[in-house]
Amino acid sequence: MTEVGAQGVPRKLLRLESLAVLVGAVTVYALSHDNWLVFAVLLLTPDLAMLGFMAGPRVGAFCYNTVHTYLGPVALLGYSFVRPEVQPYALIWLAHVAMDRALGYGLKYGTSFSETHLGRIGALRRPSGAKAPSTS
């Protein structure tokens, strides 16, 4: 089985980059004095997109990736210059995406939930060079 997604130093850099985005989003949220209860309640809301995996890995990956890319929250953050009341929601969404990426949960391939652009996650993940356990 070949490894999918980023490995080694690039994987670590992508995760550190996302950690920086997470810290930035949370810092701006804190400086804006918005409601932390709203932050806590909405932080995991994008994960509802995982329900798409009930329709199969291709549909699930599409649903998950649609709300787990930086495009949506950054666009909403841009829109907040016109409508400032949406800024907290953009920051929460941005923080969620960054948190997932920092933890190693990347964008999904249409083959399975475990295969991401940051490498495999979950039980299928093995260190580079490790062999699959024998089933005989």
C-alpha atoms as a PDB file:
ATOM      1  CA  MET A   1       0.000   0.000   0.000  1.00  0.00           C
ATOM      2  CA  THR A   2       1.522   3.331  -0.985  1.00  0.00           C
ATOM      3  CA  GLU A   3       1.464   6.363   1.252  1.00  0.00           C
ATOM      4  CA  VAL A   4      -0.938   9.129   0.253  1.00  0.00           C
ATOM      5  CA  GLY A   5      -0.545  12.811   0.956  1.00  0.00           C
ATOM      6  CA  ALA A   6       2.285  14.844   2.383  1.00  0.00           C
ATOM      7  CA  GLN A   7       5.022  13.145   4.355  1.00  0.00           C
ATOM      8  CA  GLY A   8       8.031  14.146   6.419  1.00  0.00           C
ATOM      9  CA  VAL A   9       9.044  17.802   6.618  1.00  0.00           C
ATOM     10  CA  PRO A  10       6.356  19.102   4.210  1.00  0.00           C
ATOM     11  CA  ARG A  11       3.644  17.470   6.364  1.00  0.00           C
ATOM     12  CA  LYS A  12       5.108  19.034   9.515  1.00  0.00           C
ATOM     13  CA  LEU A  13       5.345  22.447   7.860  1.00  0.00           C
ATOM     14  CA  LEU A  14       1.734  22.284   6.643  1.00  0.00           C
ATOM     15  CA  ARG A  15       0.586  21.400  10.159  1.00  0.00           C
ATOM     16  CA  LEU A  16       2.682  24.186  11.745  1.00  0.00           C
ATOM     17  CA  GLU A  17       1.319  26.631   9.193  1.00  0.00           C
ATOM     18  CA  SER A  18      -2.212  25.668  10.213  1.00  0.00           C
ATOM     19  CA  LEU A  19      -1.323  26.008  13.873  1.00  0.00           C
ATOM     20  CA  ALA A  20      -0.242  29.596  13.121  1.00  0.00           C
ATOM     21  CA  VAL A  21      -3.574  30.266  11.365  1.00  0.00           C
ATOM     22  CA  LEU A  22      -5.437  28.784  14.361  1.00  0.00           C
ATOM     23  CA  VAL A  23      -3.556  30.999  16.819  1.00  0.00           C
ATOM     24  CA  GLY A  24      -4.202  34.031  14.615  1.00  0.00           C
ATOM     25  CA  ALA A  25      -7.933  33.342  14.243  1.00  0.00           C
ATOM     26  CA  VAL A  26      -8.397  32.759  17.973  1.00  0.00           C
ATOM     27  CA  THR A  27      -6.360  35.863  18.811  1.00  0.00           C
ATOM     28  CA  VAL A  28      -8.414  38.092  16.520  1.00  0.00           C
ATOM     29  CA  TYR A  29     -11.599  36.535  17.947  1.00  0.00           C
ATOM     30  CA  ALA A  30     -10.392  37.282  21.485  1.00  0.00           C
ATOM     31  CA  LEU A  31      -9.479  40.866  20.580  1.00  0.00           C
ATOM     32  CA  SER A  32     -12.930  41.412  19.080  1.00  0.00           C
ATOM     33  CA  HIS A  33     -14.539  40.580  22.444  1.00  0.00           C
ATOM     34  CA  ASP A  34     -17.091  38.264  20.852  1.00  0.00           C
ATOM     35  CA  ASN A  35     -19.017  35.619  22.777  1.00  0.00           C
ATOM     36  CA  TRP A  36     -16.908  32.566  23.730  1.00  0.00           C
ATOM     37  CA  LEU A  37     -20.030  30.442  24.185  1.00  0.00           C
ATOM     38  CA  VAL A  38     -20.854  31.031  20.504  1.00  0.00           C
ATOM     39  CA  PHE A  39     -17.270  30.086  19.652  1.00  0.00           C
ATOM     40  CA  ALA A  40     -17.482  26.845  21.637  1.00  0.00           C
ATOM     41  CA  VAL A  41     -20.876  25.870  20.215  1.00  0.00           C
ATOM     42  CA  LEU A  42     -19.975  26.583  16.574  1.00  0.00           C
ATOM     43  CA  LEU A  43     -16.356  25.395  16.539  1.00  0.00           C
ATOM     44  CA  LEU A  44     -17.221  21.799  15.599  1.00  0.00           C
ATOM     45  CA  THR A  45     -20.212  22.613  13.373  1.00  0.00           C
ATOM     46  CA  PRO A  46     -18.264  22.112  10.106  1.00  0.00           C
ATOM     47  CA  ASP A  47     -17.743  18.475  11.102  1.00  0.00           C
ATOM     48  CA  LEU A  48     -21.417  17.848  10.365  1.00  0.00           C
ATOM     49  CA  ALA A  49     -20.227  17.611   6.760  1.00  0.00           C
ATOM     50  CA  MET A  50     -18.843  14.176   7.660  1.00  0.00           C
ATOM     51  CA  LEU A  51     -22.420  12.922   7.455  1.00  0.00           C
ATOM     52  CA  GLY A  52     -21.883  12.956   3.694  1.00  0.00           C
ATOM     53  CA  PHE A  53     -19.751   9.824   4.126  1.00  0.00           C
ATOM     54  CA  MET A  54     -22.974   7.932   4.812  1.00  0.00           C
ATOM     55  CA  ALA A  55     -23.631   8.312   1.054  1.00  0.00           C
ATOM     56  CA  GLY A  56     -20.182   6.942   0.179  1.00  0.00           C
ATOM     57  CA  PRO A  57     -16.583   8.127   0.137  1.00  0.00           C
ATOM     58  CA  ARG A  58     -16.862  10.307  -2.984  1.00  0.00           C
ATOM     59  CA  VAL A  59     -19.912  12.209  -1.731  1.00  0.00           C
ATOM     60  CA  GLY A  60     -18.429  12.366   1.756  1.00  0.00           C
ATOM     61  CA  ALA A  61     -15.129  13.752   0.511  1.00  0.00           C
ATOM     62  CA  PHE A  62     -16.954  16.388  -1.538  1.00  0.00           C
ATOM     63  CA  CYS A  63     -19.098  17.473   1.438  1.00  0.00           C
ATOM     64  CA  TYR A  64     -16.172  17.433   3.862  1.00  0.00           C
ATOM     65  CA  ASN A  65     -13.783  19.266   1.541  1.00  0.00           C
ATOM     66  CA  THR A  66     -16.384  21.916   0.710  1.00  0.00           C
ATOM     67  CA  VAL A  67     -16.388  23.163   4.311  1.00  0.00           C
ATOM     68  CA  HIS A  68     -12.818  22.206   5.263  1.00  0.00           C
ATOM     69  CA  THR A  69     -10.900  24.364   2.813  1.00  0.00           C
ATOM     70  CA  TYR A  70      -9.687  27.843   3.697  1.00  0.00           C
ATOM     71  CA  LEU A  71     -11.630  29.307   0.746  1.00  0.00           C
ATOM     72  CA  GLY A  72     -14.979  29.607   2.534  1.00  0.00           C
ATOM     73  CA  PRO A  73     -13.860  31.234   5.772  1.00  0.00           C
ATOM     74  CA  VAL A  74     -11.448  33.577   3.984  1.00  0.00           C
ATOM     75  CA  ALA A  75     -14.209  34.659   1.588  1.00  0.00           C
ATOM     76  CA  LEU A  76     -16.535  35.215   4.559  1.00  0.00           C
ATOM     77  CA  LEU A  77     -13.786  37.157   6.324  1.00  0.00           C
ATOM     78  CA  GLY A  78     -13.477  39.372   3.239  1.00  0.00           C
ATOM     79  CA  TYR A  79     -17.240  39.860   3.220  1.00  0.00           C
ATOM     80  CA  SER A  80     -16.998  40.967   6.863  1.00  0.00           C
ATOM     81  CA  PHE A  81     -15.500  44.260   5.613  1.00  0.00           C
ATOM     82  CA  VAL A  82     -18.948  44.957   4.155  1.00  0.00           C
ATOM     83  CA  ARG A  83     -20.961  43.202   6.879  1.00  0.00           C
ATOM     84  CA  PRO A  84     -18.878  43.262  10.109  1.00  0.00           C
ATOM     85  CA  GLU A  85     -21.404  41.112  11.962  1.00  0.00           C
ATOM     86  CA  VAL A  86     -20.227  38.014  10.054  1.00  0.00           C
ATOM     87  CA  GLN A  87     -16.605  38.349  11.221  1.00  0.00           C
ATOM     88  CA  PRO A  88     -17.003  36.136  14.320  1.00  0.00           C
ATOM     89  CA  TYR A  89     -18.444  33.317  12.192  1.00  0.00           C
ATOM     90  CA  ALA A  90     -15.611  33.609   9.675  1.00  0.00           C
ATOM     91  CA  LEU A  91     -13.039  33.450  12.482  1.00  0.00           C
ATOM     92  CA  ILE A  92     -14.707  30.423  14.085  1.00  0.00           C
ATOM     93  CA  TRP A  93     -14.855  28.621  10.735  1.00  0.00           C
ATOM     94  CA  LEU A  94     -11.235  29.562   9.999  1.00  0.00           C
ATOM     95  CA  ALA A  95     -10.197  28.328  13.444  1.00  0.00           C
ATOM     96  CA  HIS A  96     -11.961  25.009  12.849  1.00  0.00           C
ATOM     97  CA  VAL A  97     -10.258  24.368   9.512  1.00  0.00           C
ATOM     98  CA  ALA A  98      -6.876  25.363  10.945  1.00  0.00           C
ATOM     99  CA  MET A  99      -7.404  23.192  14.040  1.00  0.00           C
ATOM    100  CA  ASP A 100      -8.231  20.151  11.915  1.00  0.00           C
ATOM    101  CA  ARG A 101      -5.212  20.700   9.681  1.00  0.00           C
ATOM    102  CA  ALA A 102      -2.900  21.266  12.665  1.00  0.00           C
ATOM    103  CA  LEU A 103      -4.111  17.939  14.078  1.00  0.00           C
ATOM    104  CA  GLY A 104      -3.402  16.229  10.763  1.00  0.00           C
ATOM    105  CA  TYR A 105      -6.940  15.982   9.398  1.00  0.00           C
ATOM    106  CA  GLY A 106      -6.509  17.078   5.822  1.00  0.00           C
ATOM    107  CA  LEU A 107      -8.738  17.334   2.794  1.00  0.00           C
ATOM    108  CA  LYS A 108     -10.173  13.940   1.870  1.00  0.00           C
ATOM    109  CA  TYR A 109      -9.612  11.898  -1.238  1.00  0.00           C
ATOM    110  CA  GLY A 110     -12.699  10.222  -2.700  1.00  0.00           C
ATOM    111  CA  THR A 111     -11.371   6.773  -1.815  1.00  0.00           C
ATOM    112  CA  SER A 112     -11.841   6.779   1.962  1.00  0.00           C
ATOM    113  CA  PHE A 113     -12.157   9.061   4.975  1.00  0.00           C
ATOM    114  CA  SER A 114      -8.664   8.049   6.112  1.00  0.00           C
ATOM    115  CA  GLU A 115      -6.805   9.230   3.008  1.00  0.00           C
ATOM    116  CA  THR A 116      -6.052  12.953   3.151  1.00  0.00           C
ATOM    117  CA  HIS A 117      -3.704  15.446   1.576  1.00  0.00           C
ATOM    118  CA  LEU A 118      -1.764  15.392   4.852  1.00  0.00           C
ATOM    119  CA  GLY A 119      -1.360  11.607   4.780  1.00  0.00           C
ATOM    120  CA  ARG A 120      -3.363   8.755   6.249  1.00  0.00           C
ATOM    121  CA  ILE A 121      -5.202   9.217   9.525  1.00  0.00           C
ATOM    122  CA  GLY A 122      -6.543   6.735  12.026  1.00  0.00           C
ATOM    123  CA  ALA A 123      -5.832   3.020  12.285  1.00  0.00           C
ATOM    124  CA  LEU A 124      -4.576   2.813   8.683  1.00  0.00           C
ATOM    125  CA  ARG A 125      -1.701   5.207   9.355  1.00  0.00           C
ATOM    126  CA  ARG A 126       1.726   3.576   9.576  1.00  0.00           C
ATOM    127  CA  PRO A 127       5.148   5.132   9.890  1.00  0.00           C
ATOM    128  CA  SER A 128       6.941   5.600   6.596  1.00  0.00           C
ATOM    129  CA  GLY A 129       8.647   2.371   5.568  1.00  0.00           C
ATOM    130  CA  ALA A 130       6.565   0.226   7.936  1.00  0.00           C
ATOM    131  CA  LYS A 131       5.086  -2.921   6.445  1.00  0.00           C
ATOM    132  CA  ALA A 132       1.423  -3.860   6.721  1.00  0.00           C
ATOM    133  CA  PRO A 133       0.712  -6.553   9.319  1.00  0.00           C
ATOM    134  CA  SER A 134       0.471 -10.056   7.894  1.00  0.00           C
ATOM    135  CA  THR A 135      -3.049 -11.457   7.693  1.00  0.00           C
ATOM    136  CA  SER A 136      -1.947 -15.092   7.360  1.00  0.00           C
END
